[in-house]
C-alpha cells in the first residue's frame, strides 16, 4: 500500500531528470587568458598566503589549548591535594568547620 510520502518521493524522483539538465550556452565566450592570468595568479598567491597564515594560527591555537588544558589539570590536582590536606587537618583537630585561628569545642 503506497504511502503519501512514498508517492511524493516517486514524484520527486521523476522530476529530477527534468530539473538536473542545465541549459547549454551556445554562444562561445571569448576571454583574454593573458589579461586574466596576472590577476588570477595574484589572487592565487593571496589565497595561498591567507591559507598558510590560517594554518599557522590554527597550530598556535592548538598548542595554546593543549598548554591551558595541562595547566587546568595541574591546578585541579593541586586543589584536590589542598582539599584533602585541609580535610585531614579538620579531622585531626576535631573541627567541623575549619576556620583559621578558631576552634569549635
C-alpha atoms as a PDB file:
ATOM      1  CA  UNK A   1       0.000   0.000   0.000  1.00  0.00           C
ATOM      2  CA  UNK A   2       1.762   3.218  -1.086  1.00  0.00           C
ATOM      3  CA  UNK A   3       2.071   5.982   1.459  1.00  0.00           C
ATOM      4  CA  UNK A   4       1.757   9.692   0.846  1.00  0.00           C
ATOM      5  CA  UNK A   5       5.462  10.249   1.478  1.00  0.00           C
ATOM      6  CA  UNK A   6       6.293   7.348  -0.854  1.00  0.00           C
ATOM      7  CA  UNK A   7       4.205   8.878  -3.627  1.00  0.00           C
ATOM      8  CA  UNK A   8       5.853  12.250  -3.060  1.00  0.00           C
ATOM      9  CA  UNK A   9       9.289  10.633  -3.242  1.00  0.00           C
ATOM     10  CA  UNK A  10       8.347   8.898  -6.515  1.00  0.00           C
ATOM     11  CA  UNK A  11       7.126  12.201  -7.917  1.00  0.00           C
ATOM     12  CA  UNK A  12      10.337  13.933  -6.834  1.00  0.00           C
ATOM     13  CA  UNK A  13      12.415  11.186  -8.464  1.00  0.00           C
ATOM     14  CA  UNK A  14      10.508  11.709 -11.721  1.00  0.00           C
ATOM     15  CA  UNK A  15      11.226  15.444 -11.595  1.00  0.00           C
ATOM     16  CA  UNK A  16      14.984  15.068 -11.054  1.00  0.00           C
ATOM     17  CA  UNK A  17      15.873  14.355 -14.708  1.00  0.00           C
ATOM     18  CA  UNK A  18      13.769  17.327 -15.777  1.00  0.00           C
ATOM     19  CA  UNK A  19      15.488  19.775 -13.455  1.00  0.00           C
ATOM     20  CA  UNK A  20      19.032  18.427 -13.482  1.00  0.00           C
ATOM     21  CA  UNK A  21      19.739  19.281 -17.112  1.00  0.00           C
ATOM     22  CA  UNK A  22      21.248  22.694 -17.434  1.00  0.00           C
ATOM     23  CA  UNK A  23      20.547  24.797 -20.486  1.00  0.00           C
ATOM     24  CA  UNK A  24      23.597  24.894 -22.700  1.00  0.00           C
ATOM     25  CA  UNK A  25      25.023  28.219 -23.636  1.00  0.00           C
ATOM     26  CA  UNK A  26      25.563  28.069 -27.381  1.00  0.00           C
ATOM     27  CA  UNK A  27      27.383  31.391 -27.583  1.00  0.00           C
ATOM     28  CA  UNK A  28      31.110  30.945 -27.078  1.00  0.00           C
ATOM     29  CA  UNK A  29      32.727  33.225 -24.547  1.00  0.00           C
ATOM     30  CA  UNK A  30      35.938  34.829 -25.651  1.00  0.00           C
ATOM     31  CA  UNK A  31      38.183  35.961 -22.852  1.00  0.00           C
ATOM     32  CA  UNK A  32      41.753  37.005 -22.903  1.00  0.00           C
ATOM     33  CA  UNK A  33      43.642  34.497 -20.775  1.00  0.00           C
ATOM     34  CA  UNK A  34      46.762  36.619 -20.889  1.00  0.00           C
ATOM     35  CA  UNK A  35      44.972  39.579 -19.308  1.00  0.00           C
ATOM     36  CA  UNK A  36      43.327  37.450 -16.620  1.00  0.00           C
ATOM     37  CA  UNK A  37      46.418  35.366 -15.926  1.00  0.00           C
ATOM     38  CA  UNK A  38      48.166  38.052 -13.860  1.00  0.00           C
ATOM     39  CA  UNK A  39      45.157  38.846 -11.706  1.00  0.00           C
ATOM     40  CA  UNK A  40      44.365  35.150 -11.256  1.00  0.00           C
ATOM     41  CA  UNK A  41      47.942  34.467 -10.190  1.00  0.00           C
ATOM     42  CA  UNK A  42      47.796  37.399  -7.777  1.00  0.00           C
ATOM     43  CA  UNK A  43      44.547  36.101  -6.272  1.00  0.00           C
ATOM     44  CA  UNK A  44      46.015  32.608  -6.031  1.00  0.00           C
ATOM     45  CA  UNK A  45      49.084  33.994  -4.251  1.00  0.00           C
ATOM     46  CA  UNK A  46      46.890  35.975  -1.840  1.00  0.00           C
ATOM     47  CA  UNK A  47      44.728  32.939  -1.082  1.00  0.00           C
ATOM     48  CA  UNK A  48      47.798  30.758  -0.583  1.00  0.00           C
ATOM     49  CA  UNK A  49      49.265  33.300   1.847  1.00  0.00           C
ATOM     50  CA  UNK A  50      45.942  33.528   3.699  1.00  0.00           C
ATOM     51  CA  UNK A  51      45.683  29.734   3.911  1.00  0.00           C
ATOM     52  CA  UNK A  52      49.241  29.496   5.250  1.00  0.00           C
ATOM     53  CA  UNK A  53      48.526  32.201   7.821  1.00  0.00           C
ATOM     54  CA  UNK A  54      45.327  30.485   8.956  1.00  0.00           C
ATOM     55  CA  UNK A  55      47.114  27.141   9.269  1.00  0.00           C
ATOM     56  CA  UNK A  56      49.812  28.790  11.403  1.00  0.00           C
ATOM     57  CA  UNK A  57      47.173  30.427  13.606  1.00  0.00           C
ATOM     58  CA  UNK A  58      45.367  27.100  13.990  1.00  0.00           C
ATOM     59  CA  UNK A  59      48.595  25.380  15.038  1.00  0.00           C
ATOM     60  CA  UNK A  60      49.296  28.121  17.581  1.00  0.00           C
ATOM     61  CA  UNK A  61      45.760  27.866  18.980  1.00  0.00           C
ATOM     62  CA  UNK A  62      46.044  24.088  19.283  1.00  0.00           C
ATOM     63  CA  UNK A  63      49.339  24.495  21.167  1.00  0.00           C
ATOM     64  CA  UNK A  64      47.843  27.115  23.493  1.00  0.00           C
ATOM     65  CA  UNK A  65      44.775  24.946  24.080  1.00  0.00           C
ATOM     66  CA  UNK A  66      46.940  21.953  24.988  1.00  0.00           C
ATOM     67  CA  UNK A  67      49.052  24.086  27.351  1.00  0.00           C
ATOM     68  CA  UNK A  68      45.926  25.509  29.001  1.00  0.00           C
ATOM     69  CA  UNK A  69      44.422  22.040  29.376  1.00  0.00           C
ATOM     70  CA  UNK A  70      47.638  20.823  31.013  1.00  0.00           C
ATOM     71  CA  UNK A  71      47.667  23.813  33.394  1.00  0.00           C
ATOM     72  CA  UNK A  72      43.978  23.298  34.273  1.00  0.00           C
ATOM     73  CA  UNK A  73      44.596  19.635  35.085  1.00  0.00           C
ATOM     74  CA  UNK A  74      47.645  20.569  37.185  1.00  0.00           C
ATOM     75  CA  UNK A  75      45.614  23.158  39.115  1.00  0.00           C
ATOM     76  CA  UNK A  76      42.741  20.700  39.652  1.00  0.00           C
ATOM     77  CA  UNK A  77      45.196  18.171  41.077  1.00  0.00           C
ATOM     78  CA  UNK A  78      46.668  20.835  43.364  1.00  0.00           C
ATOM     79  CA  UNK A  79      43.188  21.888  44.560  1.00  0.00           C
ATOM     80  CA  UNK A  80      42.336  18.266  45.322  1.00  0.00           C
ATOM     81  CA  UNK A  81      45.598  17.848  47.230  1.00  0.00           C
ATOM     82  CA  UNK A  82      44.958  21.006  49.271  1.00  0.00           C
ATOM     83  CA  UNK A  83      41.352  19.990  49.963  1.00  0.00           C
ATOM     84  CA  UNK A  84      42.463  16.537  51.082  1.00  0.00           C
ATOM     85  CA  UNK A  85      45.157  18.084  53.276  1.00  0.00           C
ATOM     86  CA  UNK A  86      42.637  20.579  54.725  1.00  0.00           C
ATOM     87  CA  UNK A  87      40.136  17.778  55.349  1.00  0.00           C
ATOM     88  CA  UNK A  88      42.826  15.780  57.152  1.00  0.00           C
ATOM     89  CA  UNK A  89      43.677  18.731  59.424  1.00  0.00           C
ATOM     90  CA  UNK A  90      39.986  19.255  60.206  1.00  0.00           C
ATOM     91  CA  UNK A  91      39.546  15.591  61.140  1.00  0.00           C
ATOM     92  CA  UNK A  92      42.634  15.598  63.378  1.00  0.00           C
ATOM     93  CA  UNK A  93      41.616  18.719  65.276  1.00  0.00           C
ATOM     94  CA  UNK A  94      38.000  17.671  65.644  1.00  0.00           C
ATOM     95  CA  UNK A  95      36.709  20.789  63.917  1.00  0.00           C
ATOM     96  CA  UNK A  96      33.502  20.536  61.942  1.00  0.00           C
ATOM     97  CA  UNK A  97      34.282  23.708  60.026  1.00  0.00           C
ATOM     98  CA  UNK A  98      37.957  24.595  59.906  1.00  0.00           C
ATOM     99  CA  UNK A  99      38.426  28.327  60.421  1.00  0.00           C
ATOM    100  CA  UNK A 100      41.909  29.728  60.864  1.00  0.00           C
ATOM    101  CA  UNK A 101      42.605  30.848  64.385  1.00  0.00           C
ATOM    102  CA  UNK A 102      39.363  29.476  65.837  1.00  0.00           C
ATOM    103  CA  UNK A 103      38.399  26.175  67.302  1.00  0.00           C
ATOM    104  CA  UNK A 104      34.914  24.813  67.794  1.00  0.00           C
ATOM    105  CA  UNK A 105      34.553  22.869  71.070  1.00  0.00           C
END
